[in-house]
mmCIF file of all heavy atoms, coordinates in Angstrom:
data_MODEL
# 
_entry.id   MODEL 
# 
loop_
_atom_site.group_PDB 
_atom_site.id 
_atom_site.type_symbol 
_atom_site.label_atom_id 
_atom_site.label_alt_id 
_atom_site.label_comp_id 
_atom_site.label_asym_id 
_atom_site.label_entity_id 
_atom_site.label_seq_id 
_atom_site.pdbx_PDB_ins_code 
_atom_site.Cartn_x 
_atom_site.Cartn_y 
_atom_site.Cartn_z 
_atom_site.occupancy 
_atom_site.B_iso_or_equiv 
_atom_site.pdbx_formal_charge 
_atom_site.auth_seq_id 
_atom_site.auth_comp_id 
_atom_site.auth_asym_id 
_atom_site.auth_atom_id 
_atom_site.pdbx_PDB_model_num 
ATOM 1   N N   . VAL A 1 1  ? 64.807 118.393 244.062 1.00 0.00 ? 1  VAL A N   1 
ATOM 2   C CA  . VAL A 1 1  ? 65.250 117.417 242.969 1.00 0.00 ? 1  VAL A CA  1 
ATOM 3   C C   . VAL A 1 1  ? 66.708 117.180 242.976 1.00 0.00 ? 1  VAL A C   1 
ATOM 4   O O   . VAL A 1 1  ? 67.159 115.993 242.867 1.00 0.00 ? 1  VAL A O   1 
ATOM 5   C CB  . VAL A 1 1  ? 64.818 117.931 241.635 1.00 0.00 ? 1  VAL A CB  1 
ATOM 6   C CG1 . VAL A 1 1  ? 65.263 117.005 240.522 1.00 0.00 ? 1  VAL A CG1 1 
ATOM 7   C CG2 . VAL A 1 1  ? 63.256 118.136 241.548 1.00 0.00 ? 1  VAL A CG2 1 
ATOM 8   N N   . ARG A 1 2  ? 67.558 118.123 243.214 1.00 0.00 ? 2  ARG A N   1 
ATOM 9   C CA  . ARG A 1 2  ? 68.999 117.979 243.152 1.00 0.00 ? 2  ARG A CA  1 
ATOM 10  C C   . ARG A 1 2  ? 69.578 117.073 244.330 1.00 0.00 ? 2  ARG A C   1 
ATOM 11  O O   . ARG A 1 2  ? 70.337 116.205 244.039 1.00 0.00 ? 2  ARG A O   1 
ATOM 12  C CB  . ARG A 1 2  ? 69.643 119.367 243.255 1.00 0.00 ? 2  ARG A CB  1 
ATOM 13  C CG  . ARG A 1 2  ? 71.164 119.366 243.095 1.00 0.00 ? 2  ARG A CG  1 
ATOM 14  C CD  . ARG A 1 2  ? 71.818 120.711 243.071 1.00 0.00 ? 2  ARG A CD  1 
ATOM 15  N NE  . ARG A 1 2  ? 71.316 121.473 241.905 1.00 0.00 ? 2  ARG A NE  1 
ATOM 16  C CZ  . ARG A 1 2  ? 71.725 122.693 241.647 1.00 0.00 ? 2  ARG A CZ  1 
ATOM 17  N NH1 . ARG A 1 2  ? 72.534 123.363 242.432 1.00 0.00 ? 2  ARG A NH1 1 
ATOM 18  N NH2 . ARG A 1 2  ? 71.172 123.253 240.631 1.00 0.00 ? 2  ARG A NH2 1 
ATOM 19  N N   . ARG A 1 3  ? 69.018 117.339 245.433 1.00 0.00 ? 3  ARG A N   1 
ATOM 20  C CA  . ARG A 1 3  ? 69.390 116.377 246.542 1.00 0.00 ? 3  ARG A CA  1 
ATOM 21  C C   . ARG A 1 3  ? 68.946 114.928 246.355 1.00 0.00 ? 3  ARG A C   1 
ATOM 22  O O   . ARG A 1 3  ? 69.678 113.994 246.568 1.00 0.00 ? 3  ARG A O   1 
ATOM 23  C CB  . ARG A 1 3  ? 68.759 116.883 247.837 1.00 0.00 ? 3  ARG A CB  1 
ATOM 24  C CG  . ARG A 1 3  ? 69.233 116.039 249.120 1.00 0.00 ? 3  ARG A CG  1 
ATOM 25  C CD  . ARG A 1 3  ? 68.783 116.608 250.419 1.00 0.00 ? 3  ARG A CD  1 
ATOM 26  N NE  . ARG A 1 3  ? 69.104 115.877 251.560 1.00 0.00 ? 3  ARG A NE  1 
ATOM 27  C CZ  . ARG A 1 3  ? 68.472 114.904 252.047 1.00 0.00 ? 3  ARG A CZ  1 
ATOM 28  N NH1 . ARG A 1 3  ? 67.243 114.555 251.512 1.00 0.00 ? 3  ARG A NH1 1 
ATOM 29  N NH2 . ARG A 1 3  ? 68.854 114.219 253.051 1.00 0.00 ? 3  ARG A NH2 1 
ATOM 30  N N   . ARG A 1 4  ? 67.733 114.729 245.852 1.00 0.00 ? 4  ARG A N   1 
ATOM 31  C CA  . ARG A 1 4  ? 67.358 113.473 245.524 1.00 0.00 ? 4  ARG A CA  1 
ATOM 32  C C   . ARG A 1 4  ? 68.059 112.705 244.479 1.00 0.00 ? 4  ARG A C   1 
ATOM 33  O O   . ARG A 1 4  ? 68.396 111.572 244.495 1.00 0.00 ? 4  ARG A O   1 
ATOM 34  C CB  . ARG A 1 4  ? 65.785 113.540 245.209 1.00 0.00 ? 4  ARG A CB  1 
ATOM 35  C CG  . ARG A 1 4  ? 64.825 113.820 246.387 1.00 0.00 ? 4  ARG A CG  1 
ATOM 36  C CD  . ARG A 1 4  ? 63.326 113.396 246.013 1.00 0.00 ? 4  ARG A CD  1 
ATOM 37  N NE  . ARG A 1 4  ? 62.874 114.172 244.884 1.00 0.00 ? 4  ARG A NE  1 
ATOM 38  C CZ  . ARG A 1 4  ? 62.294 115.337 245.061 1.00 0.00 ? 4  ARG A CZ  1 
ATOM 39  N NH1 . ARG A 1 4  ? 62.023 115.789 246.283 1.00 0.00 ? 4  ARG A NH1 1 
ATOM 40  N NH2 . ARG A 1 4  ? 61.756 115.964 243.962 1.00 0.00 ? 4  ARG A NH2 1 
ATOM 41  N N   . LEU A 1 5  ? 68.515 113.530 243.453 1.00 0.00 ? 5  LEU A N   1 
ATOM 42  C CA  . LEU A 1 5  ? 69.282 112.988 242.384 1.00 0.00 ? 5  LEU A CA  1 
ATOM 43  C C   . LEU A 1 5  ? 70.728 112.544 242.956 1.00 0.00 ? 5  LEU A C   1 
ATOM 44  O O   . LEU A 1 5  ? 71.208 111.463 242.615 1.00 0.00 ? 5  LEU A O   1 
ATOM 45  C CB  . LEU A 1 5  ? 69.520 114.005 241.291 1.00 0.00 ? 5  LEU A CB  1 
ATOM 46  C CG  . LEU A 1 5  ? 70.457 113.640 240.173 1.00 0.00 ? 5  LEU A CG  1 
ATOM 47  C CD1 . LEU A 1 5  ? 69.815 112.457 239.377 1.00 0.00 ? 5  LEU A CD1 1 
ATOM 48  C CD2 . LEU A 1 5  ? 70.655 114.849 239.140 1.00 0.00 ? 5  LEU A CD2 1 
ATOM 49  N N   . ARG A 1 6  ? 71.235 113.384 243.782 1.00 0.00 ? 6  ARG A N   1 
ATOM 50  C CA  . ARG A 1 6  ? 72.580 112.964 244.374 1.00 0.00 ? 6  ARG A CA  1 
ATOM 51  C C   . ARG A 1 6  ? 72.438 111.636 245.184 1.00 0.00 ? 6  ARG A C   1 
ATOM 52  O O   . ARG A 1 6  ? 73.360 110.845 245.218 1.00 0.00 ? 6  ARG A O   1 
ATOM 53  C CB  . ARG A 1 6  ? 73.150 114.101 245.209 1.00 0.00 ? 6  ARG A CB  1 
ATOM 54  C CG  . ARG A 1 6  ? 73.680 115.273 244.404 1.00 0.00 ? 6  ARG A CG  1 
ATOM 55  C CD  . ARG A 1 6  ? 73.884 116.471 245.186 1.00 0.00 ? 6  ARG A CD  1 
ATOM 56  N NE  . ARG A 1 6  ? 74.525 117.520 244.403 1.00 0.00 ? 6  ARG A NE  1 
ATOM 57  C CZ  . ARG A 1 6  ? 74.675 118.828 244.814 1.00 0.00 ? 6  ARG A CZ  1 
ATOM 58  N NH1 . ARG A 1 6  ? 74.262 119.161 246.013 1.00 0.00 ? 6  ARG A NH1 1 
ATOM 59  N NH2 . ARG A 1 6  ? 75.257 119.612 244.077 1.00 0.00 ? 6  ARG A NH2 1 
ATOM 60  N N   . LEU A 1 7  ? 71.408 111.559 246.000 1.00 0.00 ? 7  LEU A N   1 
ATOM 61  C CA  . LEU A 1 7  ? 71.214 110.358 246.837 1.00 0.00 ? 7  LEU A CA  1 
ATOM 62  C C   . LEU A 1 7  ? 71.005 109.208 245.906 1.00 0.00 ? 7  LEU A C   1 
ATOM 63  O O   . LEU A 1 7  ? 71.558 108.101 246.151 1.00 0.00 ? 7  LEU A O   1 
ATOM 64  C CB  . LEU A 1 7  ? 69.975 110.536 247.694 1.00 0.00 ? 7  LEU A CB  1 
ATOM 65  C CG  . LEU A 1 7  ? 70.216 111.592 248.905 1.00 0.00 ? 7  LEU A CG  1 
ATOM 66  C CD1 . LEU A 1 7  ? 68.832 111.740 249.599 1.00 0.00 ? 7  LEU A CD1 1 
ATOM 67  C CD2 . LEU A 1 7  ? 71.276 111.106 249.836 1.00 0.00 ? 7  LEU A CD2 1 
ATOM 68  N N   . PHE A 1 8  ? 70.274 109.368 244.830 1.00 0.00 ? 8  PHE A N   1 
ATOM 69  C CA  . PHE A 1 8  ? 70.063 108.242 243.873 1.00 0.00 ? 8  PHE A CA  1 
ATOM 70  C C   . PHE A 1 8  ? 71.378 107.797 243.242 1.00 0.00 ? 8  PHE A C   1 
ATOM 71  O O   . PHE A 1 8  ? 71.678 106.650 243.182 1.00 0.00 ? 8  PHE A O   1 
ATOM 72  C CB  . PHE A 1 8  ? 68.985 108.710 242.811 1.00 0.00 ? 8  PHE A CB  1 
ATOM 73  C CG  . PHE A 1 8  ? 68.933 107.750 241.693 1.00 0.00 ? 8  PHE A CG  1 
ATOM 74  C CD1 . PHE A 1 8  ? 68.191 106.545 241.846 1.00 0.00 ? 8  PHE A CD1 1 
ATOM 75  C CD2 . PHE A 1 8  ? 69.465 107.918 240.436 1.00 0.00 ? 8  PHE A CD2 1 
ATOM 76  C CE1 . PHE A 1 8  ? 68.027 105.650 240.830 1.00 0.00 ? 8  PHE A CE1 1 
ATOM 77  C CE2 . PHE A 1 8  ? 69.355 107.059 239.409 1.00 0.00 ? 8  PHE A CE2 1 
ATOM 78  C CZ  . PHE A 1 8  ? 68.577 105.867 239.593 1.00 0.00 ? 8  PHE A CZ  1 
ATOM 79  N N   . LEU A 1 9  ? 72.193 108.848 242.827 1.00 0.00 ? 9  LEU A N   1 
ATOM 80  C CA  . LEU A 1 9  ? 73.463 108.514 242.154 1.00 0.00 ? 9  LEU A CA  1 
ATOM 81  C C   . LEU A 1 9  ? 74.413 107.755 243.112 1.00 0.00 ? 9  LEU A C   1 
ATOM 82  O O   . LEU A 1 9  ? 75.125 106.881 242.798 1.00 0.00 ? 9  LEU A O   1 
ATOM 83  C CB  . LEU A 1 9  ? 74.100 109.737 241.616 1.00 0.00 ? 9  LEU A CB  1 
ATOM 84  C CG  . LEU A 1 9  ? 73.479 110.437 240.410 1.00 0.00 ? 9  LEU A CG  1 
ATOM 85  C CD1 . LEU A 1 9  ? 74.067 111.786 240.153 1.00 0.00 ? 9  LEU A CD1 1 
ATOM 86  C CD2 . LEU A 1 9  ? 73.458 109.514 239.203 1.00 0.00 ? 9  LEU A CD2 1 
ATOM 87  N N   . THR A 1 10 ? 74.437 108.214 244.375 1.00 0.00 ? 10 THR A N   1 
ATOM 88  C CA  . THR A 1 10 ? 75.130 107.598 245.431 1.00 0.00 ? 10 THR A CA  1 
ATOM 89  C C   . THR A 1 10 ? 74.915 106.116 245.635 1.00 0.00 ? 10 THR A C   1 
ATOM 90  O O   . THR A 1 10 ? 75.661 105.228 245.667 1.00 0.00 ? 10 THR A O   1 
ATOM 91  C CB  . THR A 1 10 ? 75.114 108.316 246.767 1.00 0.00 ? 10 THR A CB  1 
ATOM 92  O OG1 . THR A 1 10 ? 75.556 109.637 246.590 1.00 0.00 ? 10 THR A OG1 1 
ATOM 93  C CG2 . THR A 1 10 ? 75.987 107.626 247.836 1.00 0.00 ? 10 THR A CG2 1 
ATOM 94  N N   . ARG A 1 11 ? 73.561 105.890 245.715 1.00 0.00 ? 11 ARG A N   1 
ATOM 95  C CA  . ARG A 1 11 ? 73.064 104.501 245.846 1.00 0.00 ? 11 ARG A CA  1 
ATOM 96  C C   . ARG A 1 11 ? 73.411 103.733 244.757 1.00 0.00 ? 11 ARG A C   1 
ATOM 97  O O   . ARG A 1 11 ? 73.817 102.435 244.833 1.00 0.00 ? 11 ARG A O   1 
ATOM 98  C CB  . ARG A 1 11 ? 71.564 104.411 246.143 1.00 0.00 ? 11 ARG A CB  1 
ATOM 99  C CG  . ARG A 1 11 ? 71.240 105.001 247.520 1.00 0.00 ? 11 ARG A CG  1 
ATOM 100 C CD  . ARG A 1 11 ? 69.737 104.513 247.886 1.00 0.00 ? 11 ARG A CD  1 
ATOM 101 N NE  . ARG A 1 11 ? 68.796 105.214 246.942 1.00 0.00 ? 11 ARG A NE  1 
ATOM 102 C CZ  . ARG A 1 11 ? 68.205 106.285 247.267 1.00 0.00 ? 11 ARG A CZ  1 
ATOM 103 N NH1 . ARG A 1 11 ? 68.464 106.990 248.406 1.00 0.00 ? 11 ARG A NH1 1 
ATOM 104 N NH2 . ARG A 1 11 ? 67.386 106.890 246.411 1.00 0.00 ? 11 ARG A NH2 1 
ATOM 105 N N   . MET A 1 12 ? 73.208 104.177 243.479 1.00 0.00 ? 12 MET A N   1 
ATOM 106 C CA  . MET A 1 12 ? 73.459 103.420 242.302 1.00 0.00 ? 12 MET A CA  1 
ATOM 107 C C   . MET A 1 12 ? 74.963 103.087 242.035 1.00 0.00 ? 12 MET A C   1 
ATOM 108 O O   . MET A 1 12 ? 75.335 102.031 241.711 1.00 0.00 ? 12 MET A O   1 
ATOM 109 C CB  . MET A 1 12 ? 72.993 104.209 241.009 1.00 0.00 ? 12 MET A CB  1 
ATOM 110 C CG  . MET A 1 12 ? 71.503 104.318 240.942 1.00 0.00 ? 12 MET A CG  1 
ATOM 111 S SD  . MET A 1 12 ? 70.736 102.646 240.814 1.00 0.00 ? 12 MET A SD  1 
ATOM 112 C CE  . MET A 1 12 ? 71.413 102.058 239.338 1.00 0.00 ? 12 MET A CE  1 
ATOM 113 N N   . ALA A 1 13 ? 75.813 104.179 242.457 1.00 0.00 ? 13 ALA A N   1 
ATOM 114 C CA  . ALA A 1 13 ? 77.269 103.889 242.329 1.00 0.00 ? 13 ALA A CA  1 
ATOM 115 C C   . ALA A 1 13 ? 77.755 102.823 243.289 1.00 0.00 ? 13 ALA A C   1 
ATOM 116 O O   . ALA A 1 13 ? 78.492 101.872 242.990 1.00 0.00 ? 13 ALA A O   1 
ATOM 117 C CB  . ALA A 1 13 ? 77.975 105.153 242.581 1.00 0.00 ? 13 ALA A CB  1 
ATOM 118 N N   . HIS A 1 14 ? 77.179 102.885 244.588 1.00 0.00 ? 14 HIS A N   1 
ATOM 119 C CA  . HIS A 1 14 ? 77.504 101.933 245.572 1.00 0.00 ? 14 HIS A CA  1 
ATOM 120 C C   . HIS A 1 14 ? 77.132 100.468 245.106 1.00 0.00 ? 14 HIS A C   1 
ATOM 121 O O   . HIS A 1 14 ? 77.772 99.572  245.180 1.00 0.00 ? 14 HIS A O   1 
ATOM 122 C CB  . HIS A 1 14 ? 76.776 102.239 246.902 1.00 0.00 ? 14 HIS A CB  1 
ATOM 123 C CG  . HIS A 1 14 ? 77.304 101.545 248.018 1.00 0.00 ? 14 HIS A CG  1 
ATOM 124 N ND1 . HIS A 1 14 ? 77.087 100.163 248.249 1.00 0.00 ? 14 HIS A ND1 1 
ATOM 125 C CD2 . HIS A 1 14 ? 78.052 102.001 249.142 1.00 0.00 ? 14 HIS A CD2 1 
ATOM 126 C CE1 . HIS A 1 14 ? 77.726 99.778  249.396 1.00 0.00 ? 14 HIS A CE1 1 
ATOM 127 N NE2 . HIS A 1 14 ? 78.227 100.940 249.982 1.00 0.00 ? 14 HIS A NE2 1 
ATOM 128 N N   . ARG A 1 15 ? 75.817 100.398 244.609 1.00 0.00 ? 15 ARG A N   1 
ATOM 129 C CA  . ARG A 1 15 ? 75.329 99.142  244.177 1.00 0.00 ? 15 ARG A CA  1 
ATOM 130 C C   . ARG A 1 15 ? 76.114 98.592  242.852 1.00 0.00 ? 15 ARG A C   1 
ATOM 131 O O   . ARG A 1 15 ? 76.479 97.362  242.980 1.00 0.00 ? 15 ARG A O   1 
ATOM 132 C CB  . ARG A 1 15 ? 73.892 99.302  243.699 1.00 0.00 ? 15 ARG A CB  1 
ATOM 133 C CG  . ARG A 1 15 ? 73.097 97.992  243.446 1.00 0.00 ? 15 ARG A CG  1 
ATOM 134 C CD  . ARG A 1 15 ? 71.662 98.313  243.052 1.00 0.00 ? 15 ARG A CD  1 
ATOM 135 N NE  . ARG A 1 15 ? 71.047 98.860  244.230 1.00 0.00 ? 15 ARG A NE  1 
ATOM 136 C CZ  . ARG A 1 15 ? 69.786 99.414  244.107 1.00 0.00 ? 15 ARG A CZ  1 
ATOM 137 N NH1 . ARG A 1 15 ? 69.074 99.309  242.950 1.00 0.00 ? 15 ARG A NH1 1 
ATOM 138 N NH2 . ARG A 1 15 ? 69.275 100.029 245.126 1.00 0.00 ? 15 ARG A NH2 1 
ATOM 139 N N   . SER A 1 16 ? 76.472 99.495  241.985 1.00 0.00 ? 16 SER A N   1 
ATOM 140 C CA  . SER A 1 16 ? 77.176 98.975  240.843 1.00 0.00 ? 16 SER A CA  1 
ATOM 141 C C   . SER A 1 16 ? 78.565 98.485  241.123 1.00 0.00 ? 16 SER A C   1 
ATOM 142 O O   . SER A 1 16 ? 79.009 97.431  240.666 1.00 0.00 ? 16 SER A O   1 
ATOM 143 C CB  . SER A 1 16 ? 77.209 100.104 239.774 1.00 0.00 ? 16 SER A CB  1 
ATOM 144 O OG  . SER A 1 16 ? 76.042 100.531 239.378 1.00 0.00 ? 16 SER A OG  1 
ATOM 145 N N   . ILE A 1 17 ? 79.334 99.226  242.019 1.00 0.00 ? 17 ILE A N   1 
ATOM 146 C CA  . ILE A 1 17 ? 80.665 98.785  242.410 1.00 0.00 ? 17 ILE A CA  1 
ATOM 147 C C   . ILE A 1 17 ? 80.546 97.439  243.185 1.00 0.00 ? 17 ILE A C   1 
ATOM 148 O O   . ILE A 1 17 ? 81.343 96.509  242.974 1.00 0.00 ? 17 ILE A O   1 
ATOM 149 C CB  . ILE A 1 17 ? 81.330 99.938  243.193 1.00 0.00 ? 17 ILE A CB  1 
ATOM 150 C CG1 . ILE A 1 17 ? 81.557 101.099 242.279 1.00 0.00 ? 17 ILE A CG1 1 
ATOM 151 C CG2 . ILE A 1 17 ? 82.704 99.382  243.677 1.00 0.00 ? 17 ILE A CG2 1 
ATOM 152 C CD1 . ILE A 1 17 ? 82.150 102.353 243.001 1.00 0.00 ? 17 ILE A CD1 1 
ATOM 153 N N   . THR A 1 18 ? 79.688 97.370  244.125 1.00 0.00 ? 18 THR A N   1 
ATOM 154 C CA  . THR A 1 18 ? 79.561 96.120  244.896 1.00 0.00 ? 18 THR A CA  1 
ATOM 155 C C   . THR A 1 18 ? 79.236 95.016  244.017 1.00 0.00 ? 18 THR A C   1 
ATOM 156 O O   . THR A 1 18 ? 79.780 93.914  244.163 1.00 0.00 ? 18 THR A O   1 
ATOM 157 C CB  . THR A 1 18 ? 78.454 96.364  245.941 1.00 0.00 ? 18 THR A CB  1 
ATOM 158 O OG1 . THR A 1 18 ? 78.868 97.419  246.821 1.00 0.00 ? 18 THR A OG1 1 
ATOM 159 C CG2 . THR A 1 18 ? 78.282 95.138  246.780 1.00 0.00 ? 18 THR A CG2 1 
ATOM 160 N N   . ARG A 1 19 ? 78.355 95.130  243.014 1.00 0.00 ? 19 ARG A N   1 
ATOM 161 C CA  . ARG A 1 19 ? 78.003 94.072  242.183 1.00 0.00 ? 19 ARG A CA  1 
ATOM 162 C C   . ARG A 1 19 ? 79.171 93.574  241.311 1.00 0.00 ? 19 ARG A C   1 
ATOM 163 O O   . ARG A 1 19 ? 79.364 92.492  241.034 1.00 0.00 ? 19 ARG A O   1 
ATOM 164 C CB  . ARG A 1 19 ? 76.849 94.538  241.270 1.00 0.00 ? 19 ARG A CB  1 
ATOM 165 C CG  . ARG A 1 19 ? 76.336 93.399  240.346 1.00 0.00 ? 19 ARG A CG  1 
ATOM 166 C CD  . ARG A 1 19 ? 75.024 93.913  239.653 1.00 0.00 ? 19 ARG A CD  1 
ATOM 167 N NE  . ARG A 1 19 ? 73.935 94.213  240.546 1.00 0.00 ? 19 ARG A NE  1 
ATOM 168 C CZ  . ARG A 1 19 ? 72.855 94.744  240.223 1.00 0.00 ? 19 ARG A CZ  1 
ATOM 169 N NH1 . ARG A 1 19 ? 72.560 95.096  238.855 1.00 0.00 ? 19 ARG A NH1 1 
ATOM 170 N NH2 . ARG A 1 19 ? 71.891 95.075  241.110 1.00 0.00 ? 19 ARG A NH2 1 
ATOM 171 N N   . LEU A 1 20 ? 79.941 94.612  240.800 1.00 0.00 ? 20 LEU A N   1 
ATOM 172 C CA  . LEU A 1 20 ? 81.154 94.306  240.041 1.00 0.00 ? 20 LEU A CA  1 
ATOM 173 C C   . LEU A 1 20 ? 82.128 93.506  240.744 1.00 0.00 ? 20 LEU A C   1 
ATOM 174 O O   . LEU A 1 20 ? 82.814 92.602  240.326 1.00 0.00 ? 20 LEU A O   1 
ATOM 175 C CB  . LEU A 1 20 ? 81.678 95.488  239.359 1.00 0.00 ? 20 LEU A CB  1 
ATOM 176 C CG  . LEU A 1 20 ? 82.757 95.272  238.212 1.00 0.00 ? 20 LEU A CG  1 
ATOM 177 C CD1 . LEU A 1 20 ? 82.059 94.506  237.111 1.00 0.00 ? 20 LEU A CD1 1 
ATOM 178 C CD2 . LEU A 1 20 ? 83.255 96.663  237.764 1.00 0.00 ? 20 LEU A CD2 1 
ATOM 179 N N   . GLN A 1 21 ? 82.325 93.938  242.052 1.00 0.00 ? 21 GLN A N   1 
ATOM 180 C CA  . GLN A 1 21 ? 83.201 93.260  243.016 1.00 0.00 ? 21 GLN A CA  1 
ATOM 181 C C   . GLN A 1 21 ? 82.844 91.734  243.077 1.00 0.00 ? 21 GLN A C   1 
ATOM 182 O O   . GLN A 1 21 ? 83.636 90.809  243.145 1.00 0.00 ? 21 GLN A O   1 
ATOM 183 C CB  . GLN A 1 21 ? 83.294 93.889  244.421 1.00 0.00 ? 21 GLN A CB  1 
ATOM 184 C CG  . GLN A 1 21 ? 84.032 95.281  244.331 1.00 0.00 ? 21 GLN A CG  1 
ATOM 185 C CD  . GLN A 1 21 ? 83.840 96.025  245.674 1.00 0.00 ? 21 GLN A CD  1 
ATOM 186 O OE1 . GLN A 1 21 ? 82.887 95.737  246.500 1.00 0.00 ? 21 GLN A OE1 1 
ATOM 187 N NE2 . GLN A 1 21 ? 84.707 96.939  245.904 1.00 0.00 ? 21 GLN A NE2 1 
ATOM 188 N N   . SER A 1 22 ? 81.490 91.590  243.228 1.00 0.00 ? 22 SER A N   1 
ATOM 189 C CA  . SER A 1 22 ? 80.982 90.130  243.494 1.00 0.00 ? 22 SER A CA  1 
ATOM 190 C C   . SER A 1 22 ? 81.147 89.340  242.202 1.00 0.00 ? 22 SER A C   1 
ATOM 191 O O   . SER A 1 22 ? 81.245 88.101  242.255 1.00 0.00 ? 22 SER A O   1 
ATOM 192 C CB  . SER A 1 22 ? 79.496 90.180  243.846 1.00 0.00 ? 22 SER A CB  1 
ATOM 193 O OG  . SER A 1 22 ? 78.659 90.633  242.745 1.00 0.00 ? 22 SER A OG  1 
ATOM 194 N N   . ARG A 1 23 ? 81.326 89.968  241.021 1.00 0.00 ? 23 ARG A N   1 
ATOM 195 C CA  . ARG A 1 23 ? 81.487 89.152  239.779 1.00 0.00 ? 23 ARG A CA  1 
ATOM 196 C C   . ARG A 1 23 ? 82.990 88.993  239.527 1.00 0.00 ? 23 ARG A C   1 
ATOM 197 O O   . ARG A 1 23 ? 83.282 88.214  238.564 1.00 0.00 ? 23 ARG A O   1 
ATOM 198 C CB  . ARG A 1 23 ? 80.775 89.985  238.606 1.00 0.00 ? 23 ARG A CB  1 
ATOM 199 C CG  . ARG A 1 23 ? 79.289 90.060  238.667 1.00 0.00 ? 23 ARG A CG  1 
ATOM 200 C CD  . ARG A 1 23 ? 78.772 90.703  237.526 1.00 0.00 ? 23 ARG A CD  1 
ATOM 201 N NE  . ARG A 1 23 ? 77.311 90.795  237.524 1.00 0.00 ? 23 ARG A NE  1 
ATOM 202 C CZ  . ARG A 1 23 ? 76.563 91.314  236.520 1.00 0.00 ? 23 ARG A CZ  1 
ATOM 203 N NH1 . ARG A 1 23 ? 77.156 91.908  235.559 1.00 0.00 ? 23 ARG A NH1 1 
ATOM 204 N NH2 . ARG A 1 23 ? 75.306 91.288  236.763 1.00 0.00 ? 23 ARG A NH2 1 
ATOM 205 N N   . ALA A 1 24 ? 83.858 89.543  240.227 1.00 0.00 ? 24 ALA A N   1 
ATOM 206 C CA  . ALA A 1 24 ? 85.267 89.395  239.988 1.00 0.00 ? 24 ALA A CA  1 
ATOM 207 C C   . ALA A 1 24 ? 85.662 87.934  240.427 1.00 0.00 ? 24 ALA A C   1 
ATOM 208 O O   . ALA A 1 24 ? 85.218 87.362  241.321 1.00 0.00 ? 24 ALA A O   1 
ATOM 209 C CB  . ALA A 1 24 ? 86.079 90.420  240.744 1.00 0.00 ? 24 ALA A CB  1 
ATOM 210 N N   . ASP A 1 25 ? 86.730 87.468  239.653 1.00 0.00 ? 25 ASP A N   1 
ATOM 211 C CA  . ASP A 1 25 ? 87.206 86.116  239.984 1.00 0.00 ? 25 ASP A CA  1 
ATOM 212 C C   . ASP A 1 25 ? 88.100 86.329  241.272 1.00 0.00 ? 25 ASP A C   1 
ATOM 213 O O   . ASP A 1 25 ? 88.310 85.351  242.012 1.00 0.00 ? 25 ASP A O   1 
ATOM 214 C CB  . ASP A 1 25 ? 88.138 85.580  238.795 1.00 0.00 ? 25 ASP A CB  1 
ATOM 215 C CG  . ASP A 1 25 ? 87.261 85.264  237.613 1.00 0.00 ? 25 ASP A CG  1 
ATOM 216 O OD1 . ASP A 1 25 ? 86.437 84.355  237.718 1.00 0.00 ? 25 ASP A OD1 1 
ATOM 217 O OD2 . ASP A 1 25 ? 87.361 86.041  236.629 1.00 0.00 ? 25 ASP A OD2 1 
ATOM 218 N N   . LEU A 1 26 ? 88.661 87.475  241.411 1.00 0.00 ? 26 LEU A N   1 
ATOM 219 C CA  . LEU A 1 26 ? 89.456 87.825  242.633 1.00 0.00 ? 26 LEU A CA  1 
ATOM 220 C C   . LEU A 1 26 ? 89.401 89.246  242.985 1.00 0.00 ? 26 LEU A C   1 
ATOM 221 O O   . LEU A 1 26 ? 89.496 90.152  242.067 1.00 0.00 ? 26 LEU A O   1 
ATOM 222 C CB  . LEU A 1 26 ? 90.892 87.393  242.477 1.00 0.00 ? 26 LEU A CB  1 
ATOM 223 C CG  . LEU A 1 26 ? 91.872 87.692  243.564 1.00 0.00 ? 26 LEU A CG  1 
ATOM 224 C CD1 . LEU A 1 26 ? 91.560 86.932  244.750 1.00 0.00 ? 26 LEU A CD1 1 
ATOM 225 C CD2 . LEU A 1 26 ? 93.324 87.473  243.055 1.00 0.00 ? 26 LEU A CD2 1 
ATOM 226 N N   . VAL A 1 27 ? 89.195 89.667  244.226 1.00 0.00 ? 27 VAL A N   1 
ATOM 227 C CA  . VAL A 1 27 ? 89.278 91.031  244.613 1.00 0.00 ? 27 VAL A CA  1 
ATOM 228 C C   . VAL A 1 27 ? 90.549 91.148  245.498 1.00 0.00 ? 27 VAL A C   1 
ATOM 229 O O   . VAL A 1 27 ? 90.746 90.384  246.453 1.00 0.00 ? 27 VAL A O   1 
ATOM 230 C CB  . VAL A 1 27 ? 88.060 91.501  245.448 1.00 0.00 ? 27 VAL A CB  1 
ATOM 231 C CG1 . VAL A 1 27 ? 88.266 92.963  245.954 1.00 0.00 ? 27 VAL A CG1 1 
ATOM 232 C CG2 . VAL A 1 27 ? 86.844 91.385  244.572 1.00 0.00 ? 27 VAL A CG2 1 
ATOM 233 N N   . VAL A 1 28 ? 91.468 92.071  245.123 1.00 0.00 ? 28 VAL A N   1 
ATOM 234 C CA  . VAL A 1 28 ? 92.625 92.308  245.831 1.00 0.00 ? 28 VAL A CA  1 
ATOM 235 C C   . VAL A 1 28 ? 92.541 93.603  246.689 1.00 0.00 ? 28 VAL A C   1 
ATOM 236 O O   . VAL A 1 28 ? 92.189 94.587  246.145 1.00 0.00 ? 28 VAL A O   1 
ATOM 237 C CB  . VAL A 1 28 ? 94.008 92.518  244.984 1.00 0.00 ? 28 VAL A CB  1 
ATOM 238 C CG1 . VAL A 1 28 ? 95.178 92.771  245.768 1.00 0.00 ? 28 VAL A CG1 1 
ATOM 239 C CG2 . VAL A 1 28 ? 94.132 91.193  244.151 1.00 0.00 ? 28 VAL A CG2 1 
ATOM 240 N N   . THR A 1 29 ? 92.714 93.545  247.990 1.00 0.00 ? 29 THR A N   1 
ATOM 241 C CA  . THR A 1 29 ? 92.598 94.745  248.789 1.00 0.00 ? 29 THR A CA  1 
ATOM 242 C C   . THR A 1 29 ? 93.997 94.937  249.335 1.00 0.00 ? 29 THR A C   1 
ATOM 243 O O   . THR A 1 29 ? 94.871 94.029  249.368 1.00 0.00 ? 29 THR A O   1 
ATOM 244 C CB  . THR A 1 29 ? 91.632 94.572  249.973 1.00 0.00 ? 29 THR A CB  1 
ATOM 245 O OG1 . THR A 1 29 ? 92.098 93.704  250.932 1.00 0.00 ? 29 THR A OG1 1 
ATOM 246 C CG2 . THR A 1 29 ? 90.223 94.007  249.384 1.00 0.00 ? 29 THR A CG2 1 
# 
């Protein structure tokens, strides 16, 4: 369970940050 939870959190964090980047009016790198 612990490993599956970590994999789930990693995927969700990746997806959330990517989605927020796509909603930005500008991304500065």
